[in-house]
């Protein structure tokens, strides 16, 4: 894949105290996309989503809406295939 489209497998993480889910981005977002916050098209198990990769503490992440989690039948702790494209 080119530098503007990245594919990886990640564990769905739970945001403390909320019913919010995210995956950590396993590469240097600033190096790959040229910025720390980037709007992307993402696919979680093939289901498309438009959102942003943001820095959270010492890592980069993208949220996974509850509707998509239901659609793909995945929840916190499950591993999913992810594609992000700038």
Protein backbone atom coordinates (compact mmCIF):
# COMPACT_ATOMS: atom_id res chain seq x y z
CA UNK A 1 0.00 0.00 0.00
CA UNK A 2 1.13 3.54 -0.54
CA UNK A 3 1.90 6.02 2.22
CA UNK A 4 -1.56 7.61 2.04
CA UNK A 5 -3.35 4.30 2.68
CA UNK A 6 -2.39 2.01 5.53
CA UNK A 7 -3.77 -1.38 6.54
CA UNK A 8 -3.34 -3.08 9.92
CA UNK A 9 -4.96 -5.33 12.50
CA UNK A 10 -5.83 -3.82 15.88
CA UNK A 11 -7.61 -4.57 19.14
CA UNK A 12 -10.74 -2.58 19.94
CA UNK A 13 -10.02 -0.61 23.11
CA UNK A 14 -12.54 0.89 25.56
CA UNK A 15 -12.33 4.52 26.61
CA UNK A 16 -12.32 4.69 30.42
CA UNK A 17 -15.72 5.46 31.90
CA UNK A 18 -17.54 5.61 28.56
CA UNK A 19 -19.15 3.24 26.08
CA UNK A 20 -16.69 4.55 23.50
CA UNK A 21 -14.36 2.41 21.41
CA UNK A 22 -11.20 3.13 19.47
CA UNK A 23 -8.17 1.47 17.90
CA UNK A 24 -4.61 2.65 18.31
CA UNK A 25 -2.77 3.56 15.12
CA UNK A 26 0.41 1.43 14.90
CA UNK A 27 2.50 3.84 12.82
CA UNK A 28 3.84 7.38 13.03
CA UNK A 29 0.85 9.40 11.79
CA UNK A 30 2.84 12.61 11.38
CA UNK A 31 5.50 10.84 9.30
CA UNK A 32 3.02 8.98 7.09
CA UNK A 33 0.33 11.66 6.63
CA UNK A 34 2.36 14.82 7.29
CA UNK A 35 0.24 16.06 10.20
CA UNK A 36 -0.74 15.04 13.73
CA UNK A 37 -4.50 15.24 13.19
CA UNK A 38 -5.82 13.96 9.89
CA UNK A 39 -9.29 13.41 8.44
CA UNK A 40 -9.49 9.95 6.93
CA UNK A 41 -11.71 7.39 5.31
CA UNK A 42 -11.48 4.27 7.39
CA UNK A 43 -12.78 0.75 6.94
CA UNK A 44 -13.40 -1.46 9.95
CA UNK A 45 -13.85 -5.06 8.75
CA UNK A 46 -14.84 -3.56 5.37
CA UNK A 47 -17.43 -1.08 6.75
CA UNK A 48 -16.59 2.48 5.70
CA UNK A 49 -16.39 5.37 8.15
CA UNK A 50 -15.20 8.97 7.83
CA UNK A 51 -13.47 10.43 10.85
CA UNK A 52 -10.20 11.75 12.22
CA UNK A 53 -7.06 10.23 13.61
CA UNK A 54 -6.11 12.15 16.75
CA UNK A 55 -3.40 12.01 19.38
CA UNK A 56 -4.50 10.67 22.77
CA UNK A 57 -1.79 10.68 25.40
CA UNK A 58 1.22 8.91 23.93
CA UNK A 59 -0.56 7.27 20.97
CA UNK A 60 -2.70 8.06 17.94
CA UNK A 61 -6.21 6.65 17.69
CA UNK A 62 -9.44 6.63 15.72
CA UNK A 63 -12.85 6.08 17.26
CA UNK A 64 -15.22 3.31 16.18
CA UNK A 65 -18.90 4.28 16.38
CA UNK A 66 -21.22 1.95 18.26
CA UNK A 67 -23.32 1.44 15.10
CA UNK A 68 -20.29 0.09 13.24
CA UNK A 69 -19.36 -2.18 16.16
CA UNK A 70 -22.87 -3.63 16.06
CA UNK A 71 -22.77 -3.99 12.26
CA UNK A 72 -19.48 -5.93 12.30
CA UNK A 73 -20.40 -7.88 15.44
CA UNK A 74 -17.30 -6.80 17.36
CA UNK A 75 -16.75 -5.28 20.79
CA UNK A 76 -14.05 -4.28 23.26
CA UNK A 77 -11.08 -6.65 23.19
CA UNK A 78 -11.86 -8.06 19.74
CA UNK A 79 -9.31 -7.82 16.93
CA UNK A 80 -10.34 -6.23 13.63
CA UNK A 81 -8.88 -5.41 10.23
CA UNK A 82 -8.53 -1.66 9.66
CA UNK A 83 -7.68 0.45 6.61
CA UNK A 84 -7.15 4.21 6.87
CA UNK A 85 -6.76 6.49 3.85
CA UNK A 86 -6.07 10.21 3.72
